[in-house]
Amino acid sequence: YAIGLAEALGVSAEDISHLVAGAFLHDVGKIGIPDSILLKGGSLTPTELQVMQTHPVLGTEIVTGNPWLREAAVIIRHHHERLDGKGYPDGLRGDEIPLIARIFAVVDVFDALTSERSYKSPMGFEEAMQIIVRESGSHFDPRIVGTFKDISPALHSTITGANKSELQQRLHAALLRYFRLGVVPSTM
């Protein structure tokens, strides 16, 4: 979803490579969250929520010092920021939030809504899109939501209709396109 949306928005190949790295690592900070909170089946208490909301900062600390992850850290730190400034950890608003983090925020929420989790069933495509569109202008960048609204039906159909092997092949092709690696593992 992130690559498709970034391509549709005309994001540079270099920024897409940072977006992909950040997408893979966006929740790396959750390794610092206690399992009692991370694996809790129900709603979090206000105190537990405060602890959970430290994961972007923890993740940024984990990748700090790795120059090749400097731009990926933008997503790790800012994927929970909101256009209206009510996000975390820094309360950034509007264009203060880096573009690749604004792109990832939309697809991260969409994926969370439409995916099965231990604590919830997957939401249908239409219902998830209604939420994304409703949050346009407050949580999400309206331009990004508009583009996602245009491309998401085909992307969702392709992704949900693909088997694991097909998805791995698509990912492999994207890695070759955006990372210019000499060798990319054939199994992921």
N, C-alpha and C. Protein backbone atom coordinates (compact mmCIF):
# COMPACT_ATOMS: atom_id res chain seq x y z
N TYR A 1 0.83 -1.19 0.00
CA TYR A 1 0.00 0.00 0.00
C TYR A 1 0.87 1.26 0.00
N ALA A 2 1.92 1.26 0.82
CA ALA A 2 2.77 2.44 0.94
C ALA A 2 3.47 2.76 -0.38
N ILE A 3 3.99 1.74 -1.03
CA ILE A 3 4.69 1.96 -2.30
C ILE A 3 3.70 2.44 -3.36
N GLY A 4 2.58 1.79 -3.47
CA GLY A 4 1.58 2.19 -4.45
C GLY A 4 1.12 3.62 -4.26
N LEU A 5 0.89 4.02 -3.02
CA LEU A 5 0.45 5.37 -2.73
C LEU A 5 1.57 6.38 -3.03
N ALA A 6 2.77 6.07 -2.63
CA ALA A 6 3.90 6.98 -2.88
C ALA A 6 4.13 7.14 -4.38
N GLU A 7 4.05 6.04 -5.13
CA GLU A 7 4.22 6.13 -6.58
C GLU A 7 3.12 6.99 -7.20
N ALA A 8 1.89 6.81 -6.76
CA ALA A 8 0.78 7.58 -7.30
C ALA A 8 0.92 9.07 -6.98
N LEU A 9 1.59 9.37 -5.87
CA LEU A 9 1.80 10.78 -5.49
C LEU A 9 3.04 11.38 -6.16
N GLY A 10 3.80 10.56 -6.89
CA GLY A 10 4.98 11.05 -7.58
C GLY A 10 6.19 11.25 -6.67
N VAL A 11 6.24 10.51 -5.59
CA VAL A 11 7.37 10.61 -4.66
C VAL A 11 8.62 10.04 -5.33
N SER A 12 9.76 10.62 -5.05
CA SER A 12 11.02 10.18 -5.67
C SER A 12 11.37 8.75 -5.24
N ALA A 13 12.13 8.07 -6.08
CA ALA A 13 12.58 6.72 -5.76
C ALA A 13 13.38 6.69 -4.47
N GLU A 14 14.20 7.70 -4.25
CA GLU A 14 14.99 7.75 -3.02
C GLU A 14 14.07 7.83 -1.79
N ASP A 15 13.05 8.69 -1.85
CA ASP A 15 12.13 8.80 -0.72
C ASP A 15 11.31 7.52 -0.55
N ILE A 16 10.98 6.85 -1.66
CA ILE A 16 10.25 5.59 -1.54
C ILE A 16 11.13 4.55 -0.86
N SER A 17 12.42 4.54 -1.13
CA SER A 17 13.30 3.59 -0.44
C SER A 17 13.31 3.86 1.06
N HIS A 18 13.29 5.12 1.46
CA HIS A 18 13.22 5.46 2.89
C HIS A 18 11.87 5.05 3.46
N LEU A 19 10.82 5.26 2.68
CA LEU A 19 9.47 4.87 3.10
C LEU A 19 9.38 3.37 3.35
N VAL A 20 9.94 2.59 2.45
CA VAL A 20 9.90 1.13 2.60
C VAL A 20 10.67 0.70 3.86
N ALA A 21 11.86 1.24 4.04
CA ALA A 21 12.64 0.89 5.24
C ALA A 21 11.89 1.29 6.51
N GLY A 22 11.31 2.47 6.50
CA GLY A 22 10.54 2.93 7.65
C GLY A 22 9.30 2.08 7.89
N ALA A 23 8.66 1.66 6.81
CA ALA A 23 7.47 0.82 6.94
C ALA A 23 7.82 -0.51 7.61
N PHE A 24 8.93 -1.10 7.19
CA PHE A 24 9.37 -2.36 7.80
C PHE A 24 9.66 -2.19 9.29
N LEU A 25 10.18 -1.03 9.66
CA LEU A 25 10.66 -0.83 11.03
C LEU A 25 9.78 0.08 11.88
N HIS A 26 8.62 0.50 11.37
CA HIS A 26 7.87 1.54 12.06
C HIS A 26 7.51 1.22 13.50
N ASP A 27 7.29 -0.02 13.83
CA ASP A 27 6.93 -0.39 15.20
C ASP A 27 8.06 -1.08 15.96
N VAL A 28 9.31 -0.91 15.52
CA VAL A 28 10.44 -1.56 16.17
C VAL A 28 10.52 -1.19 17.65
N GLY A 29 10.08 -0.01 18.00
CA GLY A 29 10.10 0.42 19.40
C GLY A 29 9.21 -0.39 20.31
N LYS A 30 8.28 -1.14 19.73
CA LYS A 30 7.40 -1.96 20.56
C LYS A 30 8.15 -3.09 21.27
N ILE A 31 9.39 -3.36 20.85
CA ILE A 31 10.16 -4.36 21.60
C ILE A 31 10.47 -3.86 23.00
N GLY A 32 10.35 -2.56 23.23
CA GLY A 32 10.57 -1.99 24.56
C GLY A 32 9.30 -1.84 25.38
N ILE A 33 8.19 -2.30 24.84
CA ILE A 33 6.90 -2.23 25.54
C ILE A 33 6.67 -3.56 26.25
N PRO A 34 6.30 -3.54 27.52
CA PRO A 34 6.05 -4.80 28.23
C PRO A 34 4.97 -5.64 27.55
N ASP A 35 5.17 -6.95 27.54
CA ASP A 35 4.19 -7.86 26.92
C ASP A 35 2.80 -7.71 27.55
N SER A 36 2.74 -7.38 28.83
CA SER A 36 1.44 -7.23 29.49
C SER A 36 0.60 -6.13 28.84
N ILE A 37 1.26 -5.16 28.24
CA ILE A 37 0.57 -4.08 27.52
C ILE A 37 0.45 -4.43 26.04
N LEU A 38 1.55 -4.87 25.48
CA LEU A 38 1.59 -5.15 24.04
C LEU A 38 0.60 -6.24 23.64
N LEU A 39 0.44 -7.25 24.46
CA LEU A 39 -0.40 -8.40 24.12
C LEU A 39 -1.76 -8.37 24.80
N LYS A 40 -2.09 -7.28 25.45
CA LYS A 40 -3.36 -7.17 26.15
C LYS A 40 -4.51 -7.29 25.15
N GLY A 41 -5.50 -8.10 25.47
CA GLY A 41 -6.61 -8.33 24.57
C GLY A 41 -7.63 -7.22 24.52
N GLY A 42 -7.77 -6.46 25.57
CA GLY A 42 -8.79 -5.43 25.62
C GLY A 42 -8.21 -4.03 25.52
N SER A 43 -9.02 -3.07 25.92
CA SER A 43 -8.60 -1.67 25.89
C SER A 43 -7.50 -1.42 26.91
N LEU A 44 -6.62 -0.49 26.56
CA LEU A 44 -5.55 -0.12 27.47
C LEU A 44 -6.04 0.94 28.45
N THR A 45 -5.52 0.89 29.67
CA THR A 45 -5.80 1.93 30.65
C THR A 45 -5.06 3.19 30.22
N PRO A 46 -5.41 4.36 30.77
CA PRO A 46 -4.67 5.57 30.41
C PRO A 46 -3.16 5.44 30.66
N THR A 47 -2.77 4.80 31.75
CA THR A 47 -1.35 4.60 32.05
C THR A 47 -0.70 3.68 31.02
N GLU A 48 -1.39 2.59 30.68
CA GLU A 48 -0.86 1.66 29.66
C GLU A 48 -0.75 2.35 28.31
N LEU A 49 -1.72 3.18 27.97
CA LEU A 49 -1.69 3.91 26.71
C LEU A 49 -0.48 4.85 26.67
N GLN A 50 -0.19 5.51 27.77
CA GLN A 50 0.99 6.38 27.83
C GLN A 50 2.26 5.59 27.56
N VAL A 51 2.35 4.39 28.13
CA VAL A 51 3.52 3.55 27.90
C VAL A 51 3.57 3.14 26.43
N MET A 52 2.45 2.72 25.87
CA MET A 52 2.41 2.31 24.46
C MET A 52 2.82 3.45 23.55
N GLN A 53 2.45 4.65 23.89
CA GLN A 53 2.77 5.81 23.05
C GLN A 53 4.24 6.20 23.10
N THR A 54 5.04 5.50 23.88
CA THR A 54 6.49 5.75 23.87
C THR A 54 7.18 4.97 22.76
N HIS A 55 6.49 4.06 22.07
CA HIS A 55 7.16 3.21 21.09
C HIS A 55 7.80 3.98 19.92
N PRO A 56 7.25 5.10 19.46
CA PRO A 56 7.97 5.81 18.39
C PRO A 56 9.32 6.37 18.84
N VAL A 57 9.38 6.86 20.06
CA VAL A 57 10.64 7.39 20.58
C VAL A 57 11.62 6.25 20.82
N LEU A 58 11.13 5.16 21.41
CA LEU A 58 12.00 3.99 21.62
C LEU A 58 12.55 3.49 20.28
N GLY A 59 11.70 3.42 19.28
CA GLY A 59 12.13 2.96 17.96
C GLY A 59 13.18 3.86 17.35
N THR A 60 12.99 5.16 17.51
CA THR A 60 13.97 6.12 16.99
C THR A 60 15.32 5.92 17.69
N GLU A 61 15.27 5.69 18.99
CA GLU A 61 16.51 5.45 19.74
C GLU A 61 17.21 4.18 19.26
N ILE A 62 16.44 3.17 18.90
CA ILE A 62 17.01 1.91 18.43
C ILE A 62 17.80 2.11 17.13
N VAL A 63 17.27 2.91 16.22
CA VAL A 63 17.94 3.06 14.92
C VAL A 63 18.93 4.22 14.86
N THR A 64 18.95 5.07 15.89
CA THR A 64 19.89 6.18 15.92
C THR A 64 21.31 5.64 15.85
N GLY A 65 22.12 6.30 15.05
CA GLY A 65 23.50 5.87 14.89
C GLY A 65 23.71 5.01 13.65
N ASN A 66 22.63 4.66 12.98
CA ASN A 66 22.70 3.91 11.72
C ASN A 66 22.39 4.89 10.59
N PRO A 67 23.42 5.42 9.93
CA PRO A 67 23.18 6.44 8.91
C PRO A 67 22.23 6.01 7.81
N TRP A 68 22.23 4.74 7.44
CA TRP A 68 21.35 4.28 6.36
C TRP A 68 19.90 4.20 6.81
N LEU A 69 19.62 4.38 8.11
CA LEU A 69 18.24 4.40 8.61
C LEU A 69 17.79 5.79 9.06
N ARG A 70 18.62 6.79 8.80
CA ARG A 70 18.29 8.15 9.24
C ARG A 70 16.92 8.60 8.72
N GLU A 71 16.66 8.40 7.44
CA GLU A 71 15.38 8.82 6.87
C GLU A 71 14.24 7.87 7.26
N ALA A 72 14.54 6.59 7.44
CA ALA A 72 13.52 5.65 7.91
C ALA A 72 13.05 6.04 9.31
N ALA A 73 13.96 6.63 10.09
CA ALA A 73 13.61 7.06 11.45
C ALA A 73 12.48 8.10 11.45
N VAL A 74 12.35 8.82 10.34
CA VAL A 74 11.27 9.80 10.21
C VAL A 74 9.91 9.11 10.35
N ILE A 75 9.76 7.96 9.72
CA ILE A 75 8.50 7.21 9.82
C ILE A 75 8.37 6.58 11.19
N ILE A 76 9.46 6.00 11.68
CA ILE A 76 9.42 5.36 12.99
C ILE A 76 8.93 6.36 14.04
N ARG A 77 9.44 7.57 14.00
CA ARG A 77 9.10 8.57 15.01
C ARG A 77 7.74 9.23 14.75
N HIS A 78 7.38 9.46 13.50
CA HIS A 78 6.23 10.33 13.23
C HIS A 78 4.99 9.64 12.65
N HIS A 79 4.93 8.32 12.64
CA HIS A 79 3.77 7.67 12.02
C HIS A 79 2.49 7.81 12.84
N HIS A 80 2.57 8.32 14.06
CA HIS A 80 1.37 8.57 14.86
C HIS A 80 1.08 10.06 15.03
N GLU A 81 1.77 10.90 14.28
CA GLU A 81 1.43 12.32 14.29
C GLU A 81 0.14 12.51 13.50
N ARG A 82 -0.55 13.59 13.79
CA ARG A 82 -1.82 13.89 13.11
C ARG A 82 -1.74 15.28 12.49
N LEU A 83 -2.43 15.44 11.39
CA LEU A 83 -2.41 16.72 10.68
C LEU A 83 -2.84 17.88 11.60
N ASP A 84 -3.76 17.61 12.53
CA ASP A 84 -4.28 18.65 13.42
C ASP A 84 -3.39 18.90 14.64
N GLY A 85 -2.26 18.21 14.74
CA GLY A 85 -1.34 18.42 15.86
C GLY A 85 -1.67 17.62 17.10
N LYS A 86 -2.69 16.77 17.06
CA LYS A 86 -3.10 16.01 18.24
C LYS A 86 -2.45 14.63 18.32
N GLY A 87 -1.46 14.37 17.48
CA GLY A 87 -0.78 13.09 17.50
C GLY A 87 0.39 13.09 18.46
N TYR A 88 1.18 12.05 18.37
CA TYR A 88 2.34 11.92 19.25
C TYR A 88 3.50 11.31 18.47
N PRO A 89 4.72 11.47 18.88
CA PRO A 89 5.19 11.96 20.18
C PRO A 89 5.44 13.47 20.23
N ASP A 90 5.49 14.14 19.09
CA ASP A 90 5.93 15.54 19.08
C ASP A 90 4.81 16.55 18.84
N GLY A 91 3.61 16.11 18.58
CA GLY A 91 2.50 17.03 18.34
C GLY A 91 2.70 17.88 17.09
N LEU A 92 3.39 17.31 16.09
CA LEU A 92 3.58 18.03 14.83
C LEU A 92 2.23 18.22 14.13
N ARG A 93 2.15 19.24 13.28
CA ARG A 93 0.91 19.48 12.54
C ARG A 93 1.22 19.81 11.09
N GLY A 94 0.27 19.49 10.24
CA GLY A 94 0.37 19.85 8.83
C GLY A 94 1.68 19.43 8.19
N ASP A 95 2.28 20.39 7.46
CA ASP A 95 3.51 20.12 6.73
C ASP A 95 4.73 19.95 7.63
N GLU A 96 4.59 20.17 8.94
CA GLU A 96 5.69 19.86 9.86
C GLU A 96 5.96 18.36 9.86
N ILE A 97 4.92 17.58 9.56
CA ILE A 97 5.06 16.13 9.50
C ILE A 97 5.67 15.78 8.15
N PRO A 98 6.80 15.11 8.13
CA PRO A 98 7.42 14.77 6.85
C PRO A 98 6.47 14.00 5.93
N LEU A 99 6.56 14.26 4.63
CA LEU A 99 5.66 13.66 3.65
C LEU A 99 5.61 12.14 3.77
N ILE A 100 6.76 11.48 3.87
CA ILE A 100 6.72 10.01 3.90
C ILE A 100 6.02 9.51 5.17
N ALA A 101 6.08 10.26 6.26
CA ALA A 101 5.36 9.87 7.47
C ALA A 101 3.85 10.09 7.29
N ARG A 102 3.47 11.16 6.59
CA ARG A 102 2.04 11.40 6.31
C ARG A 102 1.48 10.32 5.39
N ILE A 103 2.27 9.89 4.42
CA ILE A 103 1.84 8.81 3.53
C ILE A 103 1.67 7.53 4.34
N PHE A 104 2.68 7.21 5.13
CA PHE A 104 2.63 5.96 5.88
C PHE A 104 1.49 5.95 6.89
N ALA A 105 1.17 7.09 7.49
CA ALA A 105 0.08 7.15 8.47
C ALA A 105 -1.23 6.64 7.87
N VAL A 106 -1.51 7.03 6.63
CA VAL A 106 -2.76 6.61 5.99
C VAL A 106 -2.77 5.09 5.78
N VAL A 107 -1.71 4.55 5.22
CA VAL A 107 -1.71 3.11 4.92
C VAL A 107 -1.59 2.27 6.19
N ASP A 108 -0.92 2.80 7.20
CA ASP A 108 -0.81 2.07 8.47
C ASP A 108 -2.17 1.92 9.12
N VAL A 109 -2.94 2.99 9.16
CA VAL A 109 -4.29 2.92 9.75
C VAL A 109 -5.19 2.04 8.89
N PHE A 110 -5.13 2.20 7.57
CA PHE A 110 -5.94 1.36 6.69
C PHE A 110 -5.63 -0.12 6.91
N ASP A 111 -4.35 -0.45 6.96
CA ASP A 111 -3.95 -1.84 7.17
C ASP A 111 -4.42 -2.34 8.53
N ALA A 112 -4.29 -1.51 9.56
CA ALA A 112 -4.75 -1.91 10.89
C ALA A 112 -6.25 -2.17 10.91
N LEU A 113 -7.00 -1.34 10.20
CA LEU A 113 -8.46 -1.51 10.16
C LEU A 113 -8.87 -2.77 9.41
N THR A 114 -8.19 -3.07 8.32
CA THR A 114 -8.61 -4.17 7.45
C THR A 114 -7.92 -5.49 7.76
N SER A 115 -7.05 -5.51 8.74
CA SER A 115 -6.34 -6.74 9.10
C SER A 115 -6.91 -7.34 10.38
N GLU A 116 -6.81 -8.64 10.46
CA GLU A 116 -7.21 -9.34 11.68
C GLU A 116 -6.14 -9.14 12.73
N ARG A 117 -6.56 -8.89 13.94
CA ARG A 117 -5.66 -8.78 15.08
C ARG A 117 -6.17 -9.72 16.17
N SER A 118 -5.33 -9.99 17.14
CA SER A 118 -5.74 -10.90 18.22
C SER A 118 -6.95 -10.36 18.98
N TYR A 119 -7.15 -9.07 18.93
CA TYR A 119 -8.22 -8.42 19.68
C TYR A 119 -9.39 -7.95 18.80
N LYS A 120 -9.33 -8.20 17.46
CA LYS A 120 -10.43 -7.74 16.61
C LYS A 120 -10.44 -8.47 15.27
N SER A 121 -11.60 -8.49 14.67
CA SER A 121 -11.77 -9.04 13.32
C SER A 121 -11.45 -7.95 12.31
N PRO A 122 -11.12 -8.35 11.07
CA PRO A 122 -10.83 -7.32 10.06
C PRO A 122 -12.09 -6.55 9.67
N MET A 123 -11.92 -5.29 9.41
CA MET A 123 -13.01 -4.44 8.95
C MET A 123 -13.09 -4.54 7.43
N GLY A 124 -14.26 -4.39 6.88
CA GLY A 124 -14.43 -4.41 5.44
C GLY A 124 -13.81 -3.18 4.78
N PHE A 125 -13.52 -3.31 3.49
CA PHE A 125 -12.88 -2.24 2.73
C PHE A 125 -13.68 -0.94 2.81
N GLU A 126 -14.97 -0.99 2.51
CA GLU A 126 -15.79 0.23 2.46
C GLU A 126 -15.83 0.94 3.81
N GLU A 127 -16.01 0.19 4.88
CA GLU A 127 -16.06 0.79 6.22
C GLU A 127 -14.72 1.43 6.57
N ALA A 128 -13.62 0.75 6.26
CA ALA A 128 -12.30 1.30 6.54
C ALA A 128 -12.08 2.59 5.75
N MET A 129 -12.48 2.60 4.48
CA MET A 129 -12.30 3.80 3.67
C MET A 129 -13.15 4.96 4.19
N GLN A 130 -14.34 4.66 4.70
CA GLN A 130 -15.17 5.72 5.29
C GLN A 130 -14.44 6.39 6.45
N ILE A 131 -13.76 5.60 7.26
CA ILE A 131 -13.01 6.14 8.39
C ILE A 131 -11.83 6.98 7.89
N ILE A 132 -11.09 6.47 6.91
CA ILE A 132 -9.96 7.22 6.36
C ILE A 132 -10.44 8.56 5.80
N VAL A 133 -11.51 8.55 5.02
CA VAL A 133 -12.04 9.78 4.42
C VAL A 133 -12.56 10.73 5.51
N ARG A 134 -13.23 10.19 6.50
CA ARG A 134 -13.76 11.02 7.59
C ARG A 134 -12.62 11.72 8.36
N GLU A 135 -11.47 11.05 8.47
CA GLU A 135 -10.33 11.61 9.20
C GLU A 135 -9.44 12.52 8.34
N SER A 136 -9.80 12.66 7.07
CA SER A 136 -9.06 13.55 6.17
C SER A 136 -9.19 14.99 6.66
N GLY A 137 -8.07 15.66 6.79
CA GLY A 137 -8.08 17.05 7.25
C GLY A 137 -7.83 17.19 8.73
N SER A 138 -8.10 16.14 9.51
CA SER A 138 -7.79 16.19 10.94
C SER A 138 -6.63 15.24 11.25
N HIS A 139 -6.81 13.97 10.94
CA HIS A 139 -5.73 13.00 11.15
C HIS A 139 -4.80 12.95 9.93
N PHE A 140 -5.40 12.93 8.74
CA PHE A 140 -4.63 12.68 7.52
C PHE A 140 -4.63 13.87 6.57
N ASP A 141 -3.58 13.93 5.78
CA ASP A 141 -3.42 14.94 4.73
C ASP A 141 -4.48 14.68 3.65
N PRO A 142 -5.35 15.67 3.36
CA PRO A 142 -6.42 15.46 2.38
C PRO A 142 -5.93 15.08 0.98
N ARG A 143 -4.80 15.63 0.55
CA ARG A 143 -4.27 15.28 -0.78
C ARG A 143 -3.88 13.80 -0.82
N ILE A 144 -3.27 13.33 0.24
CA ILE A 144 -2.86 11.93 0.31
C ILE A 144 -4.08 11.04 0.37
N VAL A 145 -5.08 11.41 1.16
CA VAL A 145 -6.31 10.62 1.24
C VAL A 145 -7.01 10.58 -0.11
N GLY A 146 -7.06 11.70 -0.81
CA GLY A 146 -7.69 11.73 -2.13
C GLY A 146 -7.04 10.77 -3.10
N THR A 147 -5.72 10.74 -3.10
CA THR A 147 -5.01 9.81 -3.98
C THR A 147 -5.23 8.38 -3.53
N PHE A 148 -5.19 8.14 -2.22
CA PHE A 148 -5.40 6.78 -1.70
C PHE A 148 -6.82 6.30 -2.05
N LYS A 149 -7.77 7.19 -1.96
CA LYS A 149 -9.16 6.84 -2.30
C LYS A 149 -9.25 6.39 -3.76
N ASP A 150 -8.49 7.02 -4.64
CA ASP A 150 -8.49 6.67 -6.06
C ASP A 150 -7.85 5.30 -6.33
N ILE A 151 -6.75 5.01 -5.65
CA ILE A 151 -5.99 3.80 -5.97
C ILE A 151 -6.30 2.61 -5.05
N SER A 152 -6.90 2.85 -3.89
CA SER A 152 -7.07 1.77 -2.91
C SER A 152 -7.97 0.63 -3.36
N PRO A 153 -9.04 0.85 -4.12
CA PRO A 153 -9.85 -0.31 -4.51
C PRO A 153 -9.05 -1.35 -5.30
N ALA A 154 -8.28 -0.90 -6.28
CA ALA A 154 -7.48 -1.83 -7.07
C ALA A 154 -6.37 -2.45 -6.23
N LEU A 155 -5.69 -1.64 -5.41
CA LEU A 155 -4.62 -2.17 -4.56
C LEU A 155 -5.16 -3.21 -3.59
N HIS A 156 -6.26 -2.88 -2.93
CA HIS A 156 -6.84 -3.79 -1.95
C HIS A 156 -7.26 -5.10 -2.62
N SER A 157 -7.87 -5.01 -3.77
CA SER A 157 -8.28 -6.20 -4.51
C SER A 157 -7.08 -7.06 -4.88
N THR A 158 -6.03 -6.42 -5.36
CA THR A 158 -4.81 -7.15 -5.74
C THR A 158 -4.17 -7.81 -4.53
N ILE A 159 -4.06 -7.08 -3.45
CA ILE A 159 -3.38 -7.60 -2.25
C ILE A 159 -4.19 -8.70 -1.59
N THR A 160 -5.49 -8.49 -1.43
CA THR A 160 -6.30 -9.51 -0.76
C THR A 160 -6.53 -10.72 -1.65
N GLY A 161 -6.41 -10.55 -2.96
CA GLY A 161 -6.59 -11.67 -3.87
C GLY A 161 -5.33 -12.48 -4.13
N ALA A 162 -4.21 -11.98 -3.63
CA ALA A 162 -2.93 -12.66 -3.88
C ALA A 162 -2.64 -13.68 -2.78
N ASN A 163 -1.93 -14.74 -3.16
CA ASN A 163 -1.49 -15.69 -2.15
C ASN A 163 -0.14 -15.22 -1.61
N LYS A 164 0.36 -15.93 -0.62
CA LYS A 164 1.61 -15.53 0.04
C LYS A 164 2.77 -15.44 -0.95
N SER A 165 2.87 -16.40 -1.84
CA SER A 165 3.96 -16.41 -2.81
C SER A 165 3.88 -15.19 -3.73
N GLU A 166 2.70 -14.86 -4.20
CA GLU A 166 2.53 -13.69 -5.07
C GLU A 166 2.91 -12.39 -4.34
N LEU A 167 2.51 -12.30 -3.07
CA LEU A 167 2.86 -11.11 -2.29
C LEU A 167 4.37 -11.02 -2.09
N GLN A 168 5.01 -12.15 -1.85
CA GLN A 168 6.46 -12.16 -1.70
C GLN A 168 7.14 -11.72 -3.00
N GLN A 169 6.62 -12.16 -4.13
CA GLN A 169 7.19 -11.76 -5.42
C GLN A 169 7.04 -10.26 -5.64
N ARG A 170 5.89 -9.71 -5.29
CA ARG A 170 5.66 -8.27 -5.43
C ARG A 170 6.62 -7.48 -4.54
N LEU A 171 6.81 -7.96 -3.32
CA LEU A 171 7.73 -7.31 -2.40
C LEU A 171 9.16 -7.39 -2.93
N HIS A 172 9.53 -8.54 -3.42
CA HIS A 172 10.86 -8.75 -3.99
C HIS A 172 11.11 -7.76 -5.14
N ALA A 173 10.14 -7.62 -6.01
CA ALA A 173 10.27 -6.70 -7.14
C ALA A 173 10.42 -5.26 -6.66
N ALA A 174 9.67 -4.89 -5.63
CA ALA A 174 9.76 -3.53 -5.09
C ALA A 174 11.13 -3.29 -4.46
N LEU A 175 11.65 -4.29 -3.76
CA LEU A 175 12.98 -4.13 -3.17
C LEU A 175 14.03 -3.95 -4.24
N LEU A 176 13.93 -4.72 -5.31
CA LEU A 176 14.88 -4.55 -6.42
C LEU A 176 14.76 -3.17 -7.06
N ARG A 177 13.53 -2.67 -7.16
CA ARG A 177 13.29 -1.38 -7.80
C ARG A 177 13.81 -0.22 -6.95
N TYR A 178 13.66 -0.32 -5.63
CA TYR A 178 13.96 0.83 -4.78
C TYR A 178 15.23 0.72 -3.95
N PHE A 179 15.85 -0.43 -3.92
CA PHE A 179 17.05 -0.55 -3.11
C PHE A 179 18.30 -0.84 -3.91
N ARG A 180 18.20 -1.14 -5.17
CA ARG A 180 19.35 -1.35 -6.03
C ARG A 180 20.35 -2.31 -5.39
N LEU A 181 19.81 -3.34 -4.77
CA LEU A 181 20.66 -4.32 -4.13
C LEU A 181 21.20 -5.31 -5.15
N GLY A 182 22.41 -5.76 -4.94
CA GLY A 182 23.00 -6.76 -5.82
C GLY A 182 22.28 -8.09 -5.69
N VAL A 183 21.95 -8.44 -4.47
CA VAL A 183 21.26 -9.70 -4.23
C VAL A 183 20.18 -9.45 -3.20
N VAL A 184 18.98 -9.81 -3.53
CA VAL A 184 17.86 -9.74 -2.60
C VAL A 184 17.45 -11.18 -2.33
N PRO A 185 17.29 -11.55 -1.06
CA PRO A 185 16.90 -12.93 -0.77
C PRO A 185 15.63 -13.32 -1.53
N SER A 186 15.59 -14.53 -2.06
CA SER A 186 14.42 -14.96 -2.82
C SER A 186 13.28 -15.38 -1.91
N THR A 187 13.54 -15.68 -0.66
CA THR A 187 12.49 -16.00 0.30
C THR A 187 12.47 -14.98 1.40
N MET A 188 11.30 -14.60 1.79
CA MET A 188 11.17 -13.58 2.84
C MET A 188 10.22 -14.06 3.89
